[in-house]
Amino acid sequence: MKDLPQHETPAVDIAQLVAEHQLSVWRYLRSWGCSPQEAEDLTQETFLKVLEKPFEQLTDAATRGFLRTVARNLLIDRRRREGRQTNIQAVENIDQFWVASDDRKPEELLEFLADCLEGLTERARMALQMRFQDHKSRSEIADALEIGEHGAKNLMQRAKQQLRDCIEFKLKEES
């Protein structure tokens, strides 16, 4: 291998980088509430940014963190252009979860989620399923559960907080 001057770093193998980290970046963006299509677009933009300005790969965790930062900044920029605000507390919560889960396999995290979902009431599980799997609006969920829209919103917020607390507990317990 040719010796590089000290100010240059080896080129990132973008194909390998994409193969190893594309799904993780996409899932990260989905955790921000992106639609599958928006997450796909932003994931591609993330890797294009890396092509424009390569970085030095140190560890897998550092690489995942760098890619999440690029993806997050692209998403925040997009939301600003659209006139949408970003909840700073949500940013911190999402990032804390992803940093804590860096050394976990996705299957393990999905198992945690499945276990935690079992701890929710049937009504809360139904509301979350209608929202995130069936893509129903809050008013449609409220109608199906025969509650007001604010009740549906509160039910889903409490359920998401329970899931978050449960998964965080499991992550700490397994450490």
N, C-alpha and C. Protein backbone atom coordinates (compact mmCIF):
# COMPACT_ATOMS: atom_id res chain seq x y z
N MET A 1 0.84 -1.18 0.00
CA MET A 1 0.00 0.00 0.00
C MET A 1 0.89 1.25 0.00
N LYS A 2 0.52 2.19 -0.79
CA LYS A 2 1.27 3.44 -0.90
C LYS A 2 1.14 4.24 0.39
N ASP A 3 2.25 4.81 0.86
CA ASP A 3 2.20 5.66 2.05
C ASP A 3 1.50 6.96 1.70
N LEU A 4 0.58 7.36 2.57
CA LEU A 4 -0.15 8.61 2.35
C LEU A 4 0.51 9.72 3.15
N PRO A 5 0.48 10.92 2.63
CA PRO A 5 0.94 12.05 3.44
C PRO A 5 0.09 12.11 4.71
N GLN A 6 0.61 12.67 5.79
CA GLN A 6 -0.09 12.67 7.07
C GLN A 6 -1.42 13.39 7.05
N HIS A 7 -1.60 14.37 6.19
CA HIS A 7 -2.86 15.12 6.19
C HIS A 7 -3.98 14.40 5.42
N GLU A 8 -3.67 13.31 4.76
CA GLU A 8 -4.67 12.56 4.02
C GLU A 8 -5.07 11.32 4.80
N THR A 9 -6.33 10.92 4.67
CA THR A 9 -6.80 9.70 5.30
C THR A 9 -7.19 8.72 4.21
N PRO A 10 -7.15 7.43 4.50
CA PRO A 10 -7.53 6.46 3.48
C PRO A 10 -8.99 6.67 3.07
N ALA A 11 -9.27 6.43 1.81
CA ALA A 11 -10.63 6.58 1.30
C ALA A 11 -11.55 5.55 1.95
N VAL A 12 -12.76 5.97 2.23
CA VAL A 12 -13.76 5.09 2.82
C VAL A 12 -14.30 4.20 1.71
N ASP A 13 -14.41 2.91 1.96
CA ASP A 13 -15.03 2.00 1.01
C ASP A 13 -16.54 2.17 1.14
N ILE A 14 -17.10 3.01 0.28
CA ILE A 14 -18.51 3.40 0.40
C ILE A 14 -19.45 2.21 0.23
N ALA A 15 -19.10 1.28 -0.65
CA ALA A 15 -19.97 0.11 -0.85
C ALA A 15 -20.05 -0.71 0.44
N GLN A 16 -18.92 -0.90 1.08
CA GLN A 16 -18.91 -1.65 2.34
C GLN A 16 -19.63 -0.87 3.43
N LEU A 17 -19.41 0.44 3.48
CA LEU A 17 -20.06 1.30 4.46
C LEU A 17 -21.58 1.22 4.33
N VAL A 18 -22.06 1.31 3.10
CA VAL A 18 -23.50 1.22 2.86
C VAL A 18 -24.02 -0.15 3.26
N ALA A 19 -23.33 -1.20 2.85
CA ALA A 19 -23.78 -2.56 3.16
C ALA A 19 -23.88 -2.78 4.67
N GLU A 20 -22.93 -2.24 5.41
CA GLU A 20 -22.90 -2.47 6.85
C GLU A 20 -23.83 -1.56 7.64
N HIS A 21 -24.12 -0.36 7.13
CA HIS A 21 -24.80 0.63 7.97
C HIS A 21 -26.10 1.20 7.40
N GLN A 22 -26.47 0.83 6.19
CA GLN A 22 -27.66 1.42 5.58
C GLN A 22 -28.92 1.15 6.40
N LEU A 23 -29.12 -0.07 6.82
CA LEU A 23 -30.33 -0.41 7.57
C LEU A 23 -30.38 0.31 8.90
N SER A 24 -29.24 0.44 9.54
CA SER A 24 -29.18 1.14 10.82
C SER A 24 -29.55 2.62 10.67
N VAL A 25 -29.04 3.26 9.63
CA VAL A 25 -29.36 4.67 9.39
C VAL A 25 -30.85 4.80 9.07
N TRP A 26 -31.38 3.90 8.26
CA TRP A 26 -32.80 3.93 7.89
C TRP A 26 -33.67 3.77 9.14
N ARG A 27 -33.32 2.81 9.99
CA ARG A 27 -34.09 2.60 11.24
C ARG A 27 -34.01 3.82 12.15
N TYR A 28 -32.84 4.41 12.21
CA TYR A 28 -32.67 5.62 13.02
C TYR A 28 -33.63 6.71 12.54
N LEU A 29 -33.67 6.93 11.25
CA LEU A 29 -34.56 7.95 10.69
C LEU A 29 -36.03 7.59 10.91
N ARG A 30 -36.36 6.32 10.84
CA ARG A 30 -37.74 5.90 11.12
C ARG A 30 -38.09 6.19 12.58
N SER A 31 -37.10 6.05 13.49
CA SER A 31 -37.36 6.33 14.90
C SER A 31 -37.66 7.82 15.12
N TRP A 32 -37.27 8.64 14.18
CA TRP A 32 -37.58 10.07 14.22
C TRP A 32 -38.98 10.35 13.69
N GLY A 33 -39.65 9.33 13.18
CA GLY A 33 -40.99 9.52 12.65
C GLY A 33 -41.03 9.70 11.14
N CYS A 34 -39.92 9.46 10.47
CA CYS A 34 -39.91 9.56 9.00
C CYS A 34 -40.74 8.43 8.40
N SER A 35 -41.40 8.72 7.31
CA SER A 35 -42.08 7.67 6.56
C SER A 35 -41.00 6.76 5.96
N PRO A 36 -41.35 5.55 5.55
CA PRO A 36 -40.33 4.69 4.92
C PRO A 36 -39.66 5.36 3.72
N GLN A 37 -40.43 6.08 2.91
CA GLN A 37 -39.86 6.73 1.73
C GLN A 37 -38.93 7.88 2.12
N GLU A 38 -39.34 8.68 3.10
CA GLU A 38 -38.49 9.79 3.54
C GLU A 38 -37.20 9.25 4.17
N ALA A 39 -37.32 8.18 4.96
CA ALA A 39 -36.13 7.57 5.57
C ALA A 39 -35.19 7.05 4.48
N GLU A 40 -35.75 6.46 3.44
CA GLU A 40 -34.93 5.95 2.33
C GLU A 40 -34.21 7.11 1.64
N ASP A 41 -34.92 8.19 1.35
CA ASP A 41 -34.31 9.36 0.71
C ASP A 41 -33.18 9.93 1.55
N LEU A 42 -33.45 10.11 2.85
CA LEU A 42 -32.44 10.70 3.73
C LEU A 42 -31.26 9.76 3.96
N THR A 43 -31.52 8.46 3.94
CA THR A 43 -30.42 7.50 4.07
C THR A 43 -29.49 7.63 2.87
N GLN A 44 -30.07 7.72 1.68
CA GLN A 44 -29.24 7.91 0.48
C GLN A 44 -28.47 9.23 0.54
N GLU A 45 -29.14 10.29 0.99
CA GLU A 45 -28.47 11.58 1.11
C GLU A 45 -27.33 11.51 2.12
N THR A 46 -27.51 10.74 3.18
CA THR A 46 -26.47 10.59 4.20
C THR A 46 -25.20 10.01 3.58
N PHE A 47 -25.35 8.94 2.79
CA PHE A 47 -24.17 8.32 2.19
C PHE A 47 -23.58 9.20 1.08
N LEU A 48 -24.40 9.99 0.41
CA LEU A 48 -23.87 10.94 -0.58
C LEU A 48 -23.02 12.01 0.11
N LYS A 49 -23.47 12.47 1.28
CA LYS A 49 -22.69 13.44 2.05
C LYS A 49 -21.33 12.85 2.42
N VAL A 50 -21.33 11.57 2.80
CA VAL A 50 -20.08 10.91 3.17
C VAL A 50 -19.15 10.81 1.96
N LEU A 51 -19.73 10.60 0.79
CA LEU A 51 -18.91 10.58 -0.44
C LEU A 51 -18.27 11.94 -0.70
N GLU A 52 -19.04 13.02 -0.44
CA GLU A 52 -18.54 14.37 -0.67
C GLU A 52 -17.41 14.72 0.29
N LYS A 53 -17.56 14.28 1.54
CA LYS A 53 -16.57 14.62 2.56
C LYS A 53 -16.28 13.39 3.40
N PRO A 54 -15.38 12.53 2.91
CA PRO A 54 -15.06 11.29 3.62
C PRO A 54 -14.53 11.55 5.03
N PHE A 55 -14.60 10.53 5.84
CA PHE A 55 -14.14 10.61 7.22
C PHE A 55 -13.28 9.39 7.50
N GLU A 56 -12.57 9.43 8.60
CA GLU A 56 -11.73 8.30 8.98
C GLU A 56 -12.54 7.36 9.86
N GLN A 57 -12.65 6.12 9.45
CA GLN A 57 -13.38 5.13 10.22
C GLN A 57 -12.48 4.62 11.34
N LEU A 58 -12.92 4.79 12.57
CA LEU A 58 -12.14 4.33 13.71
C LEU A 58 -12.72 3.04 14.27
N THR A 59 -13.94 3.13 14.77
CA THR A 59 -14.64 1.94 15.30
C THR A 59 -16.03 1.89 14.69
N ASP A 60 -16.67 0.74 14.78
CA ASP A 60 -18.05 0.63 14.28
C ASP A 60 -18.98 1.58 15.01
N ALA A 61 -18.83 1.67 16.33
CA ALA A 61 -19.70 2.56 17.11
C ALA A 61 -19.50 4.02 16.69
N ALA A 62 -18.25 4.41 16.48
CA ALA A 62 -17.97 5.79 16.05
C ALA A 62 -18.54 6.05 14.66
N THR A 63 -18.43 5.06 13.79
CA THR A 63 -18.97 5.20 12.44
C THR A 63 -20.49 5.33 12.49
N ARG A 64 -21.15 4.47 13.28
CA ARG A 64 -22.61 4.57 13.41
C ARG A 64 -23.01 5.93 13.96
N GLY A 65 -22.28 6.41 14.96
CA GLY A 65 -22.56 7.72 15.54
C GLY A 65 -22.41 8.84 14.53
N PHE A 66 -21.34 8.78 13.73
CA PHE A 66 -21.12 9.78 12.70
C PHE A 66 -22.25 9.77 11.66
N LEU A 67 -22.63 8.58 11.21
CA LEU A 67 -23.69 8.48 10.21
C LEU A 67 -25.02 8.97 10.78
N ARG A 68 -25.30 8.67 12.04
CA ARG A 68 -26.54 9.18 12.66
C ARG A 68 -26.52 10.70 12.72
N THR A 69 -25.36 11.27 13.02
CA THR A 69 -25.26 12.74 13.09
C THR A 69 -25.53 13.36 11.73
N VAL A 70 -24.95 12.79 10.69
CA VAL A 70 -25.18 13.30 9.33
C VAL A 70 -26.67 13.18 8.99
N ALA A 71 -27.26 12.02 9.26
CA ALA A 71 -28.68 11.79 8.94
C ALA A 71 -29.56 12.75 9.73
N ARG A 72 -29.27 12.91 11.01
CA ARG A 72 -30.07 13.81 11.86
C ARG A 72 -30.00 15.24 11.34
N ASN A 73 -28.80 15.71 10.98
CA ASN A 73 -28.66 17.08 10.47
C ASN A 73 -29.41 17.26 9.16
N LEU A 74 -29.36 16.26 8.30
CA LEU A 74 -30.12 16.35 7.04
C LEU A 74 -31.62 16.42 7.31
N LEU A 75 -32.09 15.62 8.26
CA LEU A 75 -33.52 15.62 8.59
C LEU A 75 -33.93 16.97 9.20
N ILE A 76 -33.14 17.48 10.13
CA ILE A 76 -33.47 18.77 10.75
C ILE A 76 -33.48 19.88 9.71
N ASP A 77 -32.49 19.87 8.81
CA ASP A 77 -32.48 20.86 7.73
C ASP A 77 -33.73 20.76 6.86
N ARG A 78 -34.12 19.54 6.54
CA ARG A 78 -35.32 19.34 5.71
C ARG A 78 -36.55 19.86 6.44
N ARG A 79 -36.66 19.55 7.71
CA ARG A 79 -37.83 20.00 8.49
C ARG A 79 -37.85 21.52 8.61
N ARG A 80 -36.70 22.14 8.77
CA ARG A 80 -36.66 23.61 8.83
C ARG A 80 -37.15 24.21 7.52
N ARG A 81 -36.68 23.65 6.39
CA ARG A 81 -37.12 24.15 5.07
C ARG A 81 -38.63 24.00 4.91
N GLU A 82 -39.19 22.95 5.50
CA GLU A 82 -40.63 22.72 5.41
C GLU A 82 -41.41 23.52 6.45
N GLY A 83 -40.70 24.25 7.31
CA GLY A 83 -41.37 25.03 8.34
C GLY A 83 -41.82 24.22 9.53
N ARG A 84 -41.27 23.03 9.70
CA ARG A 84 -41.63 22.16 10.83
C ARG A 84 -40.59 22.30 11.92
N GLN A 85 -41.05 22.25 13.16
CA GLN A 85 -40.14 22.37 14.29
C GLN A 85 -39.66 21.01 14.74
N THR A 86 -38.52 20.99 15.43
CA THR A 86 -37.95 19.77 15.96
C THR A 86 -37.95 19.86 17.48
N ASN A 87 -38.49 18.84 18.12
CA ASN A 87 -38.55 18.77 19.58
C ASN A 87 -37.17 18.37 20.11
N ILE A 88 -36.50 19.29 20.80
CA ILE A 88 -35.13 19.05 21.27
C ILE A 88 -35.09 17.89 22.27
N GLN A 89 -36.08 17.78 23.14
CA GLN A 89 -36.09 16.67 24.10
C GLN A 89 -36.20 15.34 23.37
N ALA A 90 -36.99 15.31 22.31
CA ALA A 90 -37.10 14.08 21.52
C ALA A 90 -35.76 13.73 20.89
N VAL A 91 -35.02 14.75 20.43
CA VAL A 91 -33.69 14.53 19.85
C VAL A 91 -32.80 13.83 20.86
N GLU A 92 -32.77 14.35 22.07
CA GLU A 92 -31.91 13.78 23.11
C GLU A 92 -32.34 12.36 23.46
N ASN A 93 -33.65 12.12 23.58
CA ASN A 93 -34.13 10.78 23.91
C ASN A 93 -33.78 9.77 22.83
N ILE A 94 -34.01 10.16 21.58
CA ILE A 94 -33.73 9.25 20.47
C ILE A 94 -32.23 8.94 20.41
N ASP A 95 -31.41 9.97 20.53
CA ASP A 95 -29.97 9.76 20.45
C ASP A 95 -29.44 8.94 21.62
N GLN A 96 -29.97 9.16 22.82
CA GLN A 96 -29.55 8.36 23.98
C GLN A 96 -29.87 6.89 23.75
N PHE A 97 -31.05 6.62 23.20
CA PHE A 97 -31.42 5.22 22.93
C PHE A 97 -30.44 4.61 21.93
N TRP A 98 -30.15 5.31 20.84
CA TRP A 98 -29.29 4.74 19.81
C TRP A 98 -27.87 4.54 20.29
N VAL A 99 -27.37 5.46 21.11
CA VAL A 99 -26.02 5.29 21.66
C VAL A 99 -26.01 4.08 22.60
N ALA A 100 -27.04 3.96 23.44
CA ALA A 100 -27.12 2.83 24.37
C ALA A 100 -27.25 1.50 23.64
N SER A 101 -27.85 1.52 22.47
CA SER A 101 -28.09 0.28 21.74
C SER A 101 -27.02 -0.02 20.69
N ASP A 102 -25.99 0.81 20.62
CA ASP A 102 -24.95 0.64 19.60
C ASP A 102 -24.34 -0.76 19.57
N ASP A 103 -24.17 -1.37 20.72
CA ASP A 103 -23.52 -2.68 20.77
C ASP A 103 -24.52 -3.83 20.70
N ARG A 104 -25.78 -3.54 20.46
CA ARG A 104 -26.82 -4.57 20.42
C ARG A 104 -27.12 -4.96 18.99
N LYS A 105 -27.57 -6.18 18.83
CA LYS A 105 -28.04 -6.64 17.53
C LYS A 105 -29.49 -6.20 17.37
N PRO A 106 -29.91 -5.86 16.15
CA PRO A 106 -31.30 -5.43 15.95
C PRO A 106 -32.32 -6.46 16.44
N GLU A 107 -32.01 -7.73 16.29
CA GLU A 107 -32.93 -8.78 16.74
C GLU A 107 -33.15 -8.70 18.25
N GLU A 108 -32.09 -8.38 18.99
CA GLU A 108 -32.20 -8.27 20.44
C GLU A 108 -33.09 -7.08 20.81
N LEU A 109 -32.92 -5.97 20.11
CA LEU A 109 -33.74 -4.79 20.38
C LEU A 109 -35.20 -5.05 20.03
N LEU A 110 -35.44 -5.77 18.94
CA LEU A 110 -36.82 -6.10 18.57
C LEU A 110 -37.45 -7.03 19.60
N GLU A 111 -36.64 -7.91 20.17
CA GLU A 111 -37.14 -8.80 21.23
C GLU A 111 -37.52 -7.97 22.46
N PHE A 112 -36.69 -6.98 22.81
CA PHE A 112 -37.02 -6.08 23.92
C PHE A 112 -38.34 -5.38 23.65
N LEU A 113 -38.50 -4.88 22.42
CA LEU A 113 -39.72 -4.17 22.05
C LEU A 113 -40.94 -5.08 22.17
N ALA A 114 -40.82 -6.31 21.67
CA ALA A 114 -41.94 -7.26 21.74
C ALA A 114 -42.31 -7.53 23.20
N ASP A 115 -41.30 -7.74 24.05
CA ASP A 115 -41.57 -7.97 25.47
C ASP A 115 -42.26 -6.77 26.10
N CYS A 116 -41.79 -5.59 25.77
CA CYS A 116 -42.35 -4.37 26.35
C CYS A 116 -43.77 -4.10 25.84
N LEU A 117 -44.02 -4.44 24.58
CA LEU A 117 -45.38 -4.29 24.04
C LEU A 117 -46.38 -5.14 24.81
N GLU A 118 -45.94 -6.31 25.24
CA GLU A 118 -46.81 -7.20 26.02
C GLU A 118 -47.24 -6.56 27.33
N GLY A 119 -46.42 -5.63 27.85
CA GLY A 119 -46.73 -4.97 29.11
C GLY A 119 -47.76 -3.85 28.98
N LEU A 120 -48.09 -3.47 27.75
CA LEU A 120 -49.09 -2.42 27.53
C LEU A 120 -50.50 -3.00 27.60
N THR A 121 -51.44 -2.12 27.83
CA THR A 121 -52.84 -2.56 27.79
C THR A 121 -53.21 -2.88 26.33
N GLU A 122 -54.24 -3.67 26.17
CA GLU A 122 -54.70 -4.02 24.82
C GLU A 122 -55.06 -2.76 24.04
N ARG A 123 -55.70 -1.84 24.71
CA ARG A 123 -56.13 -0.58 24.08
C ARG A 123 -54.92 0.23 23.60
N ALA A 124 -53.87 0.29 24.41
CA ALA A 124 -52.66 1.03 24.04
C ALA A 124 -51.97 0.35 22.86
N ARG A 125 -51.88 -0.98 22.89
CA ARG A 125 -51.27 -1.71 21.77
C ARG A 125 -52.05 -1.47 20.48
N MET A 126 -53.39 -1.50 20.59
CA MET A 126 -54.22 -1.26 19.40
C MET A 126 -53.96 0.14 18.84
N ALA A 127 -53.89 1.13 19.72
CA ALA A 127 -53.68 2.51 19.28
C ALA A 127 -52.34 2.64 18.56
N LEU A 128 -51.30 2.06 19.13
CA LEU A 128 -49.98 2.14 18.50
C LEU A 128 -49.94 1.37 17.18
N GLN A 129 -50.59 0.23 17.15
CA GLN A 129 -50.64 -0.55 15.90
C GLN A 129 -51.36 0.23 14.81
N MET A 130 -52.49 0.84 15.16
CA MET A 130 -53.23 1.61 14.16
C MET A 130 -52.39 2.79 13.66
N ARG A 131 -51.64 3.41 14.57
CA ARG A 131 -50.86 4.60 14.18
C ARG A 131 -49.64 4.23 13.36
N PHE A 132 -48.85 3.27 13.85
CA PHE A 132 -47.54 3.03 13.24
C PHE A 132 -47.52 1.89 12.23
N GLN A 133 -48.44 0.97 12.34
CA GLN A 133 -48.48 -0.12 11.36
C GLN A 133 -49.51 0.15 10.27
N ASP A 134 -50.68 0.63 10.70
CA ASP A 134 -51.76 0.88 9.75
C ASP A 134 -51.80 2.31 9.24
N HIS A 135 -50.97 3.19 9.81
CA HIS A 135 -50.86 4.59 9.40
C HIS A 135 -52.19 5.34 9.50
N LYS A 136 -52.95 5.06 10.56
CA LYS A 136 -54.23 5.74 10.79
C LYS A 136 -53.99 7.10 11.42
N SER A 137 -54.89 8.02 11.16
CA SER A 137 -54.80 9.35 11.77
C SER A 137 -55.28 9.27 13.21
N ARG A 138 -54.98 10.32 13.96
CA ARG A 138 -55.42 10.36 15.36
C ARG A 138 -56.94 10.31 15.45
N SER A 139 -57.63 10.98 14.54
CA SER A 139 -59.10 10.97 14.59
C SER A 139 -59.65 9.58 14.27
N GLU A 140 -59.01 8.87 13.34
CA GLU A 140 -59.44 7.50 13.03
C GLU A 140 -59.23 6.57 14.23
N ILE A 141 -58.11 6.77 14.92
CA ILE A 141 -57.83 5.96 16.11
C ILE A 141 -58.85 6.27 17.19
N ALA A 142 -59.13 7.55 17.38
CA ALA A 142 -60.10 7.97 18.39
C ALA A 142 -61.47 7.36 18.10
N ASP A 143 -61.88 7.39 16.84
CA ASP A 143 -63.17 6.80 16.46
C ASP A 143 -63.20 5.31 16.73
N ALA A 144 -62.13 4.61 16.36
CA ALA A 144 -62.08 3.16 16.55
C ALA A 144 -62.11 2.77 18.02
N LEU A 145 -61.48 3.59 18.86
CA LEU A 145 -61.43 3.28 20.30
C LEU A 145 -62.56 3.95 21.07
N GLU A 146 -63.37 4.72 20.35
CA GLU A 146 -64.52 5.42 20.93
C GLU A 146 -64.09 6.36 22.06
N ILE A 147 -63.07 7.17 21.75
CA ILE A 147 -62.59 8.20 22.67
C ILE A 147 -62.36 9.47 21.86
N GLY A 148 -62.11 10.56 22.55
CA GLY A 148 -61.83 11.82 21.86
C GLY A 148 -60.42 11.82 21.28
N GLU A 149 -60.17 12.77 20.39
CA GLU A 149 -58.84 12.87 19.77
C GLU A 149 -57.76 13.14 20.81
N HIS A 150 -58.06 13.99 21.79
CA HIS A 150 -57.07 14.27 22.83
C HIS A 150 -56.80 13.02 23.66
N GLY A 151 -57.86 12.23 23.88
CA GLY A 151 -57.69 10.97 24.61
C GLY A 151 -56.79 10.01 23.84
N ALA A 152 -56.96 9.96 22.53
CA ALA A 152 -56.12 9.09 21.69
C ALA A 152 -54.67 9.58 21.73
N LYS A 153 -54.49 10.88 21.66
CA LYS A 153 -53.14 11.44 21.71
C LYS A 153 -52.48 11.11 23.04
N ASN A 154 -53.20 11.30 24.14
CA ASN A 154 -52.64 11.02 25.47
C ASN A 154 -52.35 9.53 25.65
N LEU A 155 -53.25 8.69 25.16
CA LEU A 155 -53.05 7.24 25.25
C LEU A 155 -51.77 6.83 24.54
N MET A 156 -51.56 7.34 23.34
CA MET A 156 -50.36 6.99 22.57
C MET A 156 -49.10 7.57 23.21
N GLN A 157 -49.18 8.79 23.74
CA GLN A 157 -48.02 9.37 24.40
C GLN A 157 -47.62 8.55 25.62
N ARG A 158 -48.61 8.15 26.42
CA ARG A 158 -48.31 7.34 27.61
C ARG A 158 -47.75 5.98 27.21
N ALA A 159 -48.32 5.38 26.18
CA ALA A 159 -47.84 4.07 25.72
C ALA A 159 -46.41 4.16 25.21
N LYS A 160 -46.10 5.19 24.43
CA LYS A 160 -44.74 5.35 23.91
C LYS A 160 -43.75 5.58 25.05
N GLN A 161 -44.18 6.35 26.07
CA GLN A 161 -43.30 6.58 27.22
C GLN A 161 -43.07 5.28 27.99
N GLN A 162 -44.11 4.47 28.14
CA GLN A 162 -43.96 3.17 28.80
C GLN A 162 -42.98 2.29 28.03
N LEU A 163 -43.11 2.27 26.72
CA LEU A 163 -42.20 1.47 25.89
C LEU A 163 -40.76 1.98 26.04
N ARG A 164 -40.61 3.27 25.99
CA ARG A 164 -39.28 3.87 26.12
C ARG A 164 -38.65 3.49 27.47
N ASP A 165 -39.43 3.65 28.55
CA ASP A 165 -38.93 3.32 29.89
C ASP A 165 -38.58 1.84 29.99
N CYS A 166 -39.44 1.00 29.46
CA CYS A 166 -39.23 -0.45 29.51
C CYS A 166 -37.97 -0.85 28.76
N ILE A 167 -37.79 -0.33 27.56
CA ILE A 167 -36.61 -0.68 26.76
C ILE A 167 -35.34 -0.15 27.41
N GLU A 168 -35.40 1.07 27.92
CA GLU A 168 -34.23 1.62 28.61
C GLU A 168 -33.86 0.76 29.81
N PHE A 169 -34.87 0.31 30.56
CA PHE A 169 -34.63 -0.57 31.71
C PHE A 169 -33.95 -1.86 31.25
N LYS A 170 -34.47 -2.46 30.18
CA LYS A 170 -33.89 -3.70 29.66
C LYS A 170 -32.45 -3.51 29.17
N LEU A 171 -32.19 -2.36 28.54
CA LEU A 171 -30.83 -2.07 28.09
C LEU A 171 -29.87 -1.97 29.28
N LYS A 172 -30.31 -1.30 30.34
CA LYS A 172 -29.47 -1.15 31.54
C LYS A 172 -29.30 -2.49 32.25
N GLU A 173 -30.39 -3.26 32.30
CA GLU A 173 -30.38 -4.55 32.98
C GLU A 173 -29.42 -5.52 32.30
N GLU A 174 -29.35 -5.46 30.98
CA GLU A 174 -28.50 -6.37 30.21
C GLU A 174 -27.04 -5.92 30.17
N SER A 175 -26.76 -4.69 30.58
CA SER A 175 -25.37 -4.18 30.52
C SER A 175 -24.50 -4.77 31.59
